[in-house]
Amino acid sequence: MKILILGAGGVGGYFGARLTQSGADVTFLVREKRKQQLDAGGLVIESPRGNATVRVKTVLQGDVRPEYDVVLFTCKAYDLESAMAAIAPAVGPETHILPLLNGLAHIQVLNDRFGPQRVWGGTTKIMTTLAADGVVKHLADFAVITYGAQDGVTSPKLSTFKTILEKAGIETIFAVNIAREMWMKLTHLCTLAAMTSLLRANVGEINRTAEGKALFREVFATHCEVAMREGHAPDDDYKKFWIDTFTRDNIPAEASLLRDMEKGGPIEGDHILGFMLERVRAHGLPDTLHRLAYTGAKAYEQRLAARRLP
């Protein structure tokens, strides 16, 4: 199986490095600067699961051919249009695309461009960041991919890809109802993104204030209600786990959206916060906190565009 990975950032870089180490046939589609960096020094990862410098195959957009079985699509949502254009030459008659983006809005966009029969649904549980020197930093000791066909039908290719991921030491979950899995991730991810980006603090810092725990419960409860009305009701164990997590005062968890803000970079405000605000409103639920979080993200983008961030 030939695998193309879009980019060599935090998510794609980590998974691609582990796949390459295991002997999988992996190529990274990158820009010229990143290609030069990888060709010269290899792909460097720092991880609780072991540091590594891995020699990898790279290709530029102009040299891509439609010869891949799976495209691991790991861009940020704000790069969705350019990323689709980049992988288009790689999509042959038997190619499938596995997007590992946050949220849900990208699925319909990919379906419209490539057809739903080519697009798998997927989520990932991993904490990574790409350092300024090109090192992929794996920040916590977990790395999970959950994926499946949108129509719930299994296939030999889905099974083969699962075997390849597991050989690379990547925890892999095949989901018959991948839409539900994506909604469950969005439910807690958007809680984390809304709260930490709005309040510019991590979970523990927020919960050490007088109103932090109550606010976390309120936002999470709203998201669970939205998921239920979308046909994907969270079960009691799921809700208990995340309520316990979101009301602890000793964990430094924060959304990547906040980390991107603090680095002064672009953010996935529309894709995560804007999408959830639209669904909250569509279901007639209270939206004040969601309006604040989304407006805060858009105001940040205004300052970023004007180069007025400190």
C-alpha atoms as a PDB file:
ATOM      1  CA  MET A   1       0.000   0.000   0.000  1.00  0.00           C
ATOM      2  CA  LYS A   2       1.381   3.393  -1.032  1.00  0.00           C
ATOM      3  CA  ILE A   3       0.588   6.188   1.439  1.00  0.00           C
ATOM      4  CA  LEU A   4       0.866   9.919   0.796  1.00  0.00           C
ATOM      5  CA  ILE A   5       0.904  12.255   3.779  1.00  0.00           C
ATOM      6  CA  LEU A   6       0.021  15.875   3.227  1.00  0.00           C
ATOM      7  CA  GLY A   7       2.596  17.914   5.071  1.00  0.00           C
ATOM      8  CA  ALA A   8       5.097  16.968   7.751  1.00  0.00           C
ATOM      9  CA  GLY A   9       3.797  19.032  10.644  1.00  0.00           C
ATOM     10  CA  GLY A  10       2.816  17.846  14.095  1.00  0.00           C
ATOM     11  CA  VAL A  11       0.166  15.254  13.219  1.00  0.00           C
ATOM     12  CA  GLY A  12       1.305  14.135   9.782  1.00  0.00           C
ATOM     13  CA  GLY A  13       4.945  14.247  10.794  1.00  0.00           C
ATOM     14  CA  TYR A  14       4.464  12.046  13.838  1.00  0.00           C
ATOM     15  CA  PHE A  15       2.274   9.406  12.190  1.00  0.00           C
ATOM     16  CA  GLY A  16       4.350   9.421   9.025  1.00  0.00           C
ATOM     17  CA  ALA A  17       7.591   8.951  10.939  1.00  0.00           C
ATOM     18  CA  ARG A  18       6.211   5.970  12.848  1.00  0.00           C
ATOM     19  CA  LEU A  19       4.814   4.431   9.656  1.00  0.00           C
ATOM     20  CA  THR A  20       8.155   4.881   7.891  1.00  0.00           C
ATOM     21  CA  GLN A  21       9.999   3.309  10.821  1.00  0.00           C
ATOM     22  CA  SER A  22       7.754   0.246  10.540  1.00  0.00           C
ATOM     23  CA  GLY A  23       8.590  -0.229   6.864  1.00  0.00           C
ATOM     24  CA  ALA A  24       5.449   1.271   5.311  1.00  0.00           C
ATOM     25  CA  ASP A  25       5.712   2.893   1.868  1.00  0.00           C
ATOM     26  CA  VAL A  26       5.219   6.544   2.854  1.00  0.00           C
ATOM     27  CA  THR A  27       5.808   9.757   0.920  1.00  0.00           C
ATOM     28  CA  PHE A  28       5.382  13.273   2.311  1.00  0.00           C
ATOM     29  CA  LEU A  29       3.888  15.987   0.104  1.00  0.00           C
ATOM     30  CA  VAL A  30       5.611  19.156   1.308  1.00  0.00           C
ATOM     31  CA  ARG A  31       6.679  22.628   0.267  1.00  0.00           C
ATOM     32  CA  GLU A  32      10.176  23.357  -1.025  1.00  0.00           C
ATOM     33  CA  LYS A  33      11.576  24.698   2.270  1.00  0.00           C
ATOM     34  CA  ARG A  34      10.330  21.720   4.288  1.00  0.00           C
ATOM     35  CA  LYS A  35      11.573  19.320   1.604  1.00  0.00           C
ATOM     36  CA  GLN A  36      15.078  20.759   1.820  1.00  0.00           C
ATOM     37  CA  GLN A  37      14.962  20.474   5.613  1.00  0.00           C
ATOM     38  CA  LEU A  38      13.769  16.855   5.556  1.00  0.00           C
ATOM     39  CA  ASP A  39      16.113  15.786   2.765  1.00  0.00           C
ATOM     40  CA  ALA A  40      19.081  17.259   4.606  1.00  0.00           C
ATOM     41  CA  GLY A  41      18.457  16.193   8.198  1.00  0.00           C
ATOM     42  CA  GLY A  42      15.596  13.734   8.191  1.00  0.00           C
ATOM     43  CA  LEU A  43      12.309  13.987  10.054  1.00  0.00           C
ATOM     44  CA  VAL A  44      13.071  14.529  13.728  1.00  0.00           C
ATOM     45  CA  ILE A  45      10.531  13.638  16.403  1.00  0.00           C
ATOM     46  CA  GLU A  46      10.746  13.990  20.165  1.00  0.00           C
ATOM     47  CA  SER A  47       8.253  11.752  21.925  1.00  0.00           C
ATOM     48  CA  PRO A  48       7.541   9.974  25.211  1.00  0.00           C
ATOM     49  CA  ARG A  49       7.429   6.875  23.012  1.00  0.00           C
ATOM     50  CA  GLY A  50      10.987   7.380  21.826  1.00  0.00           C
ATOM     51  CA  ASN A  51      12.906  10.062  19.968  1.00  0.00           C
ATOM     52  CA  ALA A  52      13.879   9.406  16.375  1.00  0.00           C
ATOM     53  CA  THR A  53      15.435  10.869  13.273  1.00  0.00           C
ATOM     54  CA  VAL A  54      13.865   9.205  10.245  1.00  0.00           C
ATOM     55  CA  ARG A  55      14.933   9.394   6.630  1.00  0.00           C
ATOM     56  CA  VAL A  56      11.769   9.964   4.604  1.00  0.00           C
ATOM     57  CA  LYS A  57      10.652  10.250   0.991  1.00  0.00           C
ATOM     58  CA  THR A  58       9.374  13.665  -0.055  1.00  0.00           C
ATOM     59  CA  VAL A  59       7.646  15.096  -3.094  1.00  0.00           C
ATOM     60  CA  LEU A  60       6.598  18.569  -4.240  1.00  0.00           C
ATOM     61  CA  GLN A  61       3.130  19.341  -5.561  1.00  0.00           C
ATOM     62  CA  GLY A  62       4.261  19.611  -9.166  1.00  0.00           C
ATOM     63  CA  ASP A  63       5.740  16.120  -9.079  1.00  0.00           C
ATOM     64  CA  VAL A  64       2.764  14.251  -7.565  1.00  0.00           C
ATOM     65  CA  ARG A  65       1.260  11.387  -9.566  1.00  0.00           C
ATOM     66  CA  PRO A  66      -2.047   9.476  -9.084  1.00  0.00           C
ATOM     67  CA  GLU A  67      -0.358   6.384  -7.645  1.00  0.00           C
ATOM     68  CA  TYR A  68      -1.398   6.324  -3.986  1.00  0.00           C
ATOM     69  CA  ASP A  69      -3.804   4.025  -2.171  1.00  0.00           C
ATOM     70  CA  VAL A  70      -4.375   6.320   0.818  1.00  0.00           C
ATOM     71  CA  VAL A  71      -3.821  10.035   1.315  1.00  0.00           C
ATOM     72  CA  LEU A  72      -3.482  10.994   4.966  1.00  0.00           C
ATOM     73  CA  PHE A  73      -4.936  14.501   4.963  1.00  0.00           C
ATOM     74  CA  THR A  74      -3.553  16.344   7.995  1.00  0.00           C
ATOM     75  CA  CYS A  75      -3.781  20.038   7.214  1.00  0.00           C
ATOM     76  CA  LYS A  76      -5.338  22.736   9.376  1.00  0.00           C
ATOM     77  CA  ALA A  77      -8.884  23.718   8.436  1.00  0.00           C
ATOM     78  CA  TYR A  78      -7.854  27.211   7.314  1.00  0.00           C
ATOM     79  CA  ASP A  79      -5.667  25.575   4.633  1.00  0.00           C
ATOM     80  CA  LEU A  80      -8.442  23.278   3.380  1.00  0.00           C
ATOM     81  CA  GLU A  81      -8.851  24.731  -0.122  1.00  0.00           C
ATOM     82  CA  SER A  82      -5.141  24.883  -0.927  1.00  0.00           C
ATOM     83  CA  ALA A  83      -4.613  21.440   0.611  1.00  0.00           C
ATOM     84  CA  MET A  84      -7.305  19.902  -1.602  1.00  0.00           C
ATOM     85  CA  ALA A  85      -5.660  21.450  -4.641  1.00  0.00           C
ATOM     86  CA  ALA A  86      -2.303  20.029  -3.532  1.00  0.00           C
ATOM     87  CA  ILE A  87      -3.515  16.438  -3.229  1.00  0.00           C
ATOM     88  CA  ALA A  88      -5.776  16.445  -6.296  1.00  0.00           C
ATOM     89  CA  PRO A  89      -3.036  15.199  -8.675  1.00  0.00           C
ATOM     90  CA  ALA A  90      -2.377  12.283  -6.285  1.00  0.00           C
ATOM     91  CA  VAL A  91      -5.965  11.016  -6.333  1.00  0.00           C
ATOM     92  CA  GLY A  92      -6.244   8.121  -8.733  1.00  0.00           C
ATOM     93  CA  PRO A  93      -9.134   5.736  -9.474  1.00  0.00           C
ATOM     94  CA  GLU A  94      -8.543   3.681  -6.297  1.00  0.00           C
ATOM     95  CA  THR A  95      -7.321   6.394  -3.930  1.00  0.00           C
ATOM     96  CA  HIS A  96      -9.018   7.014  -0.590  1.00  0.00           C
ATOM     97  CA  ILE A  97      -8.564  10.131   1.533  1.00  0.00           C
ATOM     98  CA  LEU A  98      -8.432   9.985   5.330  1.00  0.00           C
ATOM     99  CA  PRO A  99      -8.822  13.489   6.791  1.00  0.00           C
ATOM    100  CA  LEU A 100      -7.618  13.960  10.377  1.00  0.00           C
ATOM    101  CA  LEU A 101      -8.821  17.531  10.819  1.00  0.00           C
ATOM    102  CA  ASN A 102     -10.617  18.894  13.837  1.00  0.00           C
ATOM    103  CA  GLY A 103     -14.375  19.286  13.553  1.00  0.00           C
ATOM    104  CA  LEU A 104     -16.877  18.167  10.929  1.00  0.00           C
ATOM    105  CA  ALA A 105     -17.313  20.935   8.371  1.00  0.00           C
ATOM    106  CA  HIS A 106     -14.483  19.697   6.138  1.00  0.00           C
ATOM    107  CA  ILE A 107     -16.186  16.384   5.330  1.00  0.00           C
ATOM    108  CA  GLN A 108     -18.828  17.900   3.076  1.00  0.00           C
ATOM    109  CA  VAL A 109     -16.213  20.076   1.367  1.00  0.00           C
ATOM    110  CA  LEU A 110     -14.076  17.013   0.623  1.00  0.00           C
ATOM    111  CA  ASN A 111     -17.140  15.055  -0.507  1.00  0.00           C
ATOM    112  CA  ASP A 112     -18.040  17.810  -2.940  1.00  0.00           C
ATOM    113  CA  ARG A 113     -14.523  17.878  -4.379  1.00  0.00           C
ATOM    114  CA  PHE A 114     -13.624  14.173  -4.514  1.00  0.00           C
ATOM    115  CA  GLY A 115     -16.873  12.250  -3.949  1.00  0.00           C
ATOM    116  CA  PRO A 116     -18.027  10.620  -0.682  1.00  0.00           C
ATOM    117  CA  GLN A 117     -16.976   7.175  -1.909  1.00  0.00           C
ATOM    118  CA  ARG A 118     -13.337   8.330  -1.790  1.00  0.00           C
ATOM    119  CA  VAL A 119     -13.455  10.121   1.569  1.00  0.00           C
ATOM    120  CA  TRP A 120     -13.218   8.207   4.826  1.00  0.00           C
ATOM    121  CA  GLY A 121     -14.202   9.792   8.107  1.00  0.00           C
ATOM    122  CA  GLY A 122     -11.584  10.028  10.814  1.00  0.00           C
ATOM    123  CA  THR A 123     -10.412  11.560  14.048  1.00  0.00           C
ATOM    124  CA  THR A 124      -7.168  11.485  15.943  1.00  0.00           C
ATOM    125  CA  LYS A 125      -6.225  11.751  19.590  1.00  0.00           C
ATOM    126  CA  ILE A 126      -2.715  13.151  19.780  1.00  0.00           C
ATOM    127  CA  MET A 127      -0.950  16.219  21.161  1.00  0.00           C
ATOM    128  CA  THR A 128       1.834  17.463  18.912  1.00  0.00           C
ATOM    129  CA  THR A 129       3.392  20.691  17.787  1.00  0.00           C
ATOM    130  CA  LEU A 130       5.925  21.622  15.121  1.00  0.00           C
ATOM    131  CA  ALA A 131       8.823  23.583  16.596  1.00  0.00           C
ATOM    132  CA  ALA A 132      10.473  26.451  14.750  1.00  0.00           C
ATOM    133  CA  ASP A 133      13.487  24.249  13.978  1.00  0.00           C
ATOM    134  CA  GLY A 134      11.296  21.640  12.262  1.00  0.00           C
ATOM    135  CA  VAL A 135      11.249  19.136  15.119  1.00  0.00           C
ATOM    136  CA  VAL A 136       7.926  17.360  15.673  1.00  0.00           C
ATOM    137  CA  LYS A 137       7.246  17.378  19.399  1.00  0.00           C
ATOM    138  CA  HIS A 138       4.880  14.702  20.684  1.00  0.00           C
ATOM    139  CA  LEU A 139       3.560  16.198  23.927  1.00  0.00           C
ATOM    140  CA  ALA A 140       1.697  13.298  25.568  1.00  0.00           C
ATOM    141  CA  ASP A 141       1.955   9.524  25.588  1.00  0.00           C
ATOM    142  CA  PHE A 142      -0.963   8.719  23.315  1.00  0.00           C
ATOM    143  CA  ALA A 143      -1.447   8.528  19.563  1.00  0.00           C
ATOM    144  CA  VAL A 144      -4.771   7.172  18.324  1.00  0.00           C
ATOM    145  CA  ILE A 145      -6.467   7.149  14.916  1.00  0.00           C
ATOM    146  CA  THR A 146     -10.173   6.324  14.631  1.00  0.00           C
ATOM    147  CA  TYR A 147     -11.537   5.943  11.117  1.00  0.00           C
ATOM    148  CA  GLY A 148     -14.141   4.303   8.920  1.00  0.00           C
ATOM    149  CA  ALA A 149     -16.138   4.600   5.722  1.00  0.00           C
ATOM    150  CA  GLN A 150     -18.875   7.215   5.789  1.00  0.00           C
ATOM    151  CA  ASP A 151     -21.478   4.619   4.800  1.00  0.00           C
ATOM    152  CA  GLY A 152     -20.325   2.188   7.487  1.00  0.00           C
ATOM    153  CA  VAL A 153     -19.352  -0.516   5.005  1.00  0.00           C
ATOM    154  CA  THR A 154     -16.045  -2.277   5.628  1.00  0.00           C
ATOM    155  CA  SER A 155     -13.592  -3.170   2.862  1.00  0.00           C
ATOM    156  CA  PRO A 156     -10.256  -4.954   2.404  1.00  0.00           C
ATOM    157  CA  LYS A 157      -8.492  -1.602   2.053  1.00  0.00           C
ATOM    158  CA  LEU A 158      -9.858  -0.361   5.393  1.00  0.00           C
ATOM    159  CA  SER A 159      -8.658  -3.564   7.055  1.00  0.00           C
ATOM    160  CA  THR A 160      -5.235  -3.483   5.397  1.00  0.00           C
ATOM    161  CA  PHE A 161      -4.669   0.108   6.444  1.00  0.00           C
ATOM    162  CA  LYS A 162      -5.580  -0.766  10.043  1.00  0.00           C
ATOM    163  CA  THR A 163      -2.956  -3.520  10.023  1.00  0.00           C
ATOM    164  CA  ILE A 164      -0.328  -1.086   8.701  1.00  0.00           C
ATOM    165  CA  LEU A 165      -1.126   1.481  11.388  1.00  0.00           C
ATOM    166  CA  GLU A 166      -1.003  -1.100  14.159  1.00  0.00           C
ATOM    167  CA  LYS A 167       2.345  -2.426  12.931  1.00  0.00           C
ATOM    168  CA  ALA A 168       3.654   1.128  13.364  1.00  0.00           C
ATOM    169  CA  GLY A 169       2.560   1.152  17.012  1.00  0.00           C
ATOM    170  CA  ILE A 170      -0.369   3.476  16.358  1.00  0.00           C
ATOM    171  CA  GLU A 171      -3.480   2.621  18.338  1.00  0.00           C
ATOM    172  CA  THR A 172      -6.172   2.188  15.703  1.00  0.00           C
ATOM    173  CA  ILE A 173      -9.937   2.010  16.084  1.00  0.00           C
ATOM    174  CA  PHE A 174     -12.125   1.025  13.168  1.00  0.00           C
ATOM    175  CA  ALA A 175     -15.554   2.637  13.566  1.00  0.00           C
ATOM    176  CA  VAL A 176     -18.650   1.426  11.747  1.00  0.00           C
ATOM    177  CA  ASN A 177     -20.424   4.665  12.745  1.00  0.00           C
ATOM    178  CA  ILE A 178     -17.631   7.155  12.145  1.00  0.00           C
ATOM    179  CA  ALA A 179     -20.056  10.105  12.138  1.00  0.00           C
ATOM    180  CA  ARG A 180     -20.844   9.424  15.786  1.00  0.00           C
ATOM    181  CA  GLU A 181     -17.140   9.227  16.657  1.00  0.00           C
ATOM    182  CA  MET A 182     -16.526  12.572  14.972  1.00  0.00           C
ATOM    183  CA  TRP A 183     -19.425  14.167  16.840  1.00  0.00           C
ATOM    184  CA  MET A 184     -18.129  12.831  20.152  1.00  0.00           C
ATOM    185  CA  LYS A 185     -14.724  14.340  19.503  1.00  0.00           C
ATOM    186  CA  LEU A 186     -16.224  17.664  18.449  1.00  0.00           C
ATOM    187  CA  THR A 187     -18.379  17.763  21.589  1.00  0.00           C
ATOM    188  CA  HIS A 188     -15.426  17.777  23.976  1.00  0.00           C
ATOM    189  CA  LEU A 189     -12.916  19.436  21.624  1.00  0.00           C
ATOM    190  CA  CYS A 190     -15.156  22.444  21.115  1.00  0.00           C
ATOM    191  CA  THR A 191     -15.675  22.721  24.884  1.00  0.00           C
ATOM    192  CA  LEU A 192     -11.917  22.856  25.357  1.00  0.00           C
ATOM    193  CA  ALA A 193     -11.413  25.249  22.437  1.00  0.00           C
ATOM    194  CA  ALA A 194     -14.194  27.632  23.458  1.00  0.00           C
ATOM    195  CA  MET A 195     -13.172  27.840  27.106  1.00  0.00           C
ATOM    196  CA  THR A 196      -9.396  27.974  26.810  1.00  0.00           C
ATOM    197  CA  SER A 197      -9.298  30.368  23.862  1.00  0.00           C
ATOM    198  CA  LEU A 198     -11.918  32.699  25.322  1.00  0.00           C
ATOM    199  CA  LEU A 199     -10.300  32.823  28.763  1.00  0.00           C
ATOM    200  CA  ARG A 200      -6.682  32.513  27.519  1.00  0.00           C
ATOM    201  CA  ALA A 201      -5.889  29.845  30.113  1.00  0.00           C
ATOM    202  CA  ASN A 202      -5.657  26.074  30.462  1.00  0.00           C
ATOM    203  CA  VAL A 203      -8.175  23.816  32.208  1.00  0.00           C
ATOM    204  CA  GLY A 204      -6.476  23.865  35.602  1.00  0.00           C
ATOM    205  CA  GLU A 205      -6.020  27.622  35.599  1.00  0.00           C
ATOM    206  CA  ILE A 206      -9.679  28.183  34.702  1.00  0.00           C
ATOM    207  CA  ASN A 207     -10.903  25.759  37.355  1.00  0.00           C
ATOM    208  CA  ARG A 208      -8.920  27.449  40.080  1.00  0.00           C
ATOM    209  CA  THR A 209     -11.206  30.477  39.652  1.00  0.00           C
ATOM    210  CA  ALA A 210     -14.582  30.853  41.347  1.00  0.00           C
ATOM    211  CA  GLU A 211     -16.741  30.277  38.246  1.00  0.00           C
ATOM    212  CA  GLY A 212     -14.526  28.114  36.058  1.00  0.00           C
ATOM    213  CA  LYS A 213     -15.998  24.695  36.830  1.00  0.00           C
ATOM    214  CA  ALA A 214     -19.570  25.887  36.432  1.00  0.00           C
ATOM    215  CA  LEU A 215     -18.749  27.448  33.068  1.00  0.00           C
ATOM    216  CA  PHE A 216     -17.114  24.250  31.840  1.00  0.00           C
ATOM    217  CA  ARG A 217     -20.181  22.235  32.866  1.00  0.00           C
ATOM    218  CA  GLU A 218     -22.506  24.682  31.128  1.00  0.00           C
ATOM    219  CA  VAL A 219     -20.621  24.728  27.823  1.00  0.00           C
ATOM    220  CA  PHE A 220     -20.125  20.959  27.772  1.00  0.00           C
ATOM    221  CA  ALA A 221     -23.794  20.312  28.570  1.00  0.00           C
ATOM    222  CA  THR A 222     -24.818  22.506  25.642  1.00  0.00           C
ATOM    223  CA  HIS A 223     -22.546  20.597  23.275  1.00  0.00           C
ATOM    224  CA  CYS A 224     -23.921  17.262  24.499  1.00  0.00           C
ATOM    225  CA  GLU A 225     -27.416  18.551  23.827  1.00  0.00           C
ATOM    226  CA  VAL A 226     -26.438  19.600  20.301  1.00  0.00           C
ATOM    227  CA  ALA A 227     -24.903  16.179  19.618  1.00  0.00           C
ATOM    228  CA  MET A 228     -28.065  14.468  20.878  1.00  0.00           C
ATOM    229  CA  ARG A 229     -30.258  16.587  18.601  1.00  0.00           C
ATOM    230  CA  GLU A 230     -27.968  15.733  15.701  1.00  0.00           C
ATOM    231  CA  GLY A 231     -28.696  12.063  16.353  1.00  0.00           C
ATOM    232  CA  HIS A 232     -25.543  11.171  18.308  1.00  0.00           C
ATOM    233  CA  ALA A 233     -26.456  11.265  22.003  1.00  0.00           C
ATOM    234  CA  PRO A 234     -23.395  10.922  24.268  1.00  0.00           C
ATOM    235  CA  ASP A 235     -23.625   8.035  26.720  1.00  0.00           C
ATOM    236  CA  ASP A 236     -23.304   8.412  30.487  1.00  0.00           C
ATOM    237  CA  ASP A 237     -19.719   7.121  30.671  1.00  0.00           C
ATOM    238  CA  TYR A 238     -18.598   9.624  28.040  1.00  0.00           C
ATOM    239  CA  LYS A 239     -20.244  12.525  29.856  1.00  0.00           C
ATOM    240  CA  LYS A 240     -18.865  11.470  33.236  1.00  0.00           C
ATOM    241  CA  PHE A 241     -15.312  11.168  31.894  1.00  0.00           C
ATOM    242  CA  TRP A 242     -15.318  14.616  30.316  1.00  0.00           C
ATOM    243  CA  ILE A 243     -17.101  16.353  33.183  1.00  0.00           C
ATOM    244  CA  ASP A 244     -14.469  14.905  35.526  1.00  0.00           C
ATOM    245  CA  THR A 245     -11.726  16.090  33.173  1.00  0.00           C
ATOM    246  CA  PHE A 246     -13.137  19.550  32.626  1.00  0.00           C
ATOM    247  CA  THR A 247     -13.608  20.237  36.344  1.00  0.00           C
ATOM    248  CA  ARG A 248     -10.145  19.260  37.557  1.00  0.00           C
ATOM    249  CA  ASP A 249      -7.894  22.051  38.789  1.00  0.00           C
ATOM    250  CA  ASN A 250      -4.544  20.332  38.322  1.00  0.00           C
ATOM    251  CA  ILE A 251      -4.250  19.608  34.595  1.00  0.00           C
ATOM    252  CA  PRO A 252      -2.629  21.902  32.012  1.00  0.00           C
ATOM    253  CA  ALA A 253      -4.785  20.802  29.053  1.00  0.00           C
ATOM    254  CA  GLU A 254      -5.511  23.471  26.464  1.00  0.00           C
ATOM    255  CA  ALA A 255      -6.786  23.519  22.899  1.00  0.00           C
ATOM    256  CA  SER A 256      -4.444  23.791  19.935  1.00  0.00           C
ATOM    257  CA  LEU A 257      -6.524  26.832  18.987  1.00  0.00           C
ATOM    258  CA  LEU A 258      -5.176  28.616  22.080  1.00  0.00           C
ATOM    259  CA  ARG A 259      -1.616  27.504  21.334  1.00  0.00           C
ATOM    260  CA  ASP A 260      -1.961  28.877  17.809  1.00  0.00           C
ATOM    261  CA  MET A 261      -3.210  32.193  19.201  1.00  0.00           C
ATOM    262  CA  GLU A 262      -0.303  32.427  21.599  1.00  0.00           C
ATOM    263  CA  LYS A 263       2.114  31.814  18.715  1.00  0.00           C
ATOM    264  CA  GLY A 264       0.438  34.593  16.729  1.00  0.00           C
ATOM    265  CA  GLY A 265      -0.616  32.242  13.946  1.00  0.00           C
ATOM    266  CA  PRO A 266      -3.803  31.496  12.025  1.00  0.00           C
ATOM    267  CA  ILE A 267      -6.557  29.597  13.846  1.00  0.00           C
ATOM    268  CA  GLU A 268      -9.454  27.236  13.140  1.00  0.00           C
ATOM    269  CA  GLY A 269     -12.054  29.584  14.609  1.00  0.00           C
ATOM    270  CA  ASP A 270     -14.650  29.223  11.862  1.00  0.00           C
ATOM    271  CA  HIS A 271     -14.224  25.466  11.527  1.00  0.00           C
ATOM    272  CA  ILE A 272     -14.659  24.714  15.245  1.00  0.00           C
ATOM    273  CA  LEU A 273     -16.228  27.629  17.113  1.00  0.00           C
ATOM    274  CA  GLY A 274     -18.200  29.043  14.184  1.00  0.00           C
ATOM    275  CA  PHE A 275     -19.566  25.623  13.246  1.00  0.00           C
ATOM    276  CA  MET A 276     -20.734  24.918  16.804  1.00  0.00           C
ATOM    277  CA  LEU A 277     -22.293  28.373  17.183  1.00  0.00           C
ATOM    278  CA  GLU A 278     -24.312  27.731  14.026  1.00  0.00           C
ATOM    279  CA  ARG A 279     -25.526  24.369  15.356  1.00  0.00           C
ATOM    280  CA  VAL A 280     -26.347  25.800  18.795  1.00  0.00           C
ATOM    281  CA  ARG A 281     -28.473  28.474  17.143  1.00  0.00           C
ATOM    282  CA  ALA A 282     -30.082  25.995  14.750  1.00  0.00           C
ATOM    283  CA  HIS A 283     -31.332  23.984  17.723  1.00  0.00           C
ATOM    284  CA  GLY A 284     -32.591  27.032  19.619  1.00  0.00           C
ATOM    285  CA  LEU A 285     -30.173  26.687  22.529  1.00  0.00           C
ATOM    286  CA  PRO A 286     -28.634  29.560  24.573  1.00  0.00           C
ATOM    287  CA  ASP A 287     -25.697  30.923  22.607  1.00  0.00           C
ATOM    288  CA  THR A 288     -24.176  33.750  24.673  1.00  0.00           C
ATOM    289  CA  LEU A 289     -20.988  31.905  25.626  1.00  0.00           C
ATOM    290  CA  HIS A 290     -20.578  30.606  22.092  1.00  0.00           C
ATOM    291  CA  ARG A 291     -21.025  34.084  20.643  1.00  0.00           C
ATOM    292  CA  LEU A 292     -18.328  35.361  22.988  1.00  0.00           C
ATOM    293  CA  ALA A 293     -15.883  32.575  22.116  1.00  0.00           C
ATOM    294  CA  TYR A 294     -16.435  32.913  18.362  1.00  0.00           C
ATOM    295  CA  THR A 295     -16.299  36.708  18.444  1.00  0.00           C
ATOM    296  CA  GLY A 296     -13.096  36.514  20.455  1.00  0.00           C
ATOM    297  CA  ALA A 297     -11.568  34.300  17.785  1.00  0.00           C
ATOM    298  CA  LYS A 298     -12.661  36.600  14.975  1.00  0.00           C
ATOM    299  CA  ALA A 299     -11.409  39.673  16.843  1.00  0.00           C
ATOM    300  CA  TYR A 300      -8.051  37.946  17.239  1.00  0.00           C
ATOM    301  CA  GLU A 301      -7.993  37.407  13.468  1.00  0.00           C
ATOM    302  CA  GLN A 302      -8.690  41.108  12.950  1.00  0.00           C
ATOM    303  CA  ARG A 303      -5.706  42.038  15.110  1.00  0.00           C
ATOM    304  CA  LEU A 304      -3.547  39.445  13.407  1.00  0.00           C
ATOM    305  CA  ALA A 305      -4.439  40.804   9.982  1.00  0.00           C
ATOM    306  CA  ALA A 306      -3.579  44.311  11.110  1.00  0.00           C
ATOM    307  CA  ARG A 307      -0.260  43.135  12.579  1.00  0.00           C
ATOM    308  CA  ARG A 308      -1.205  44.563  15.944  1.00  0.00           C
ATOM    309  CA  LEU A 309      -0.572  41.479  18.058  1.00  0.00           C
ATOM    310  CA  PRO A 310       2.215  41.872  20.621  1.00  0.00           C
END
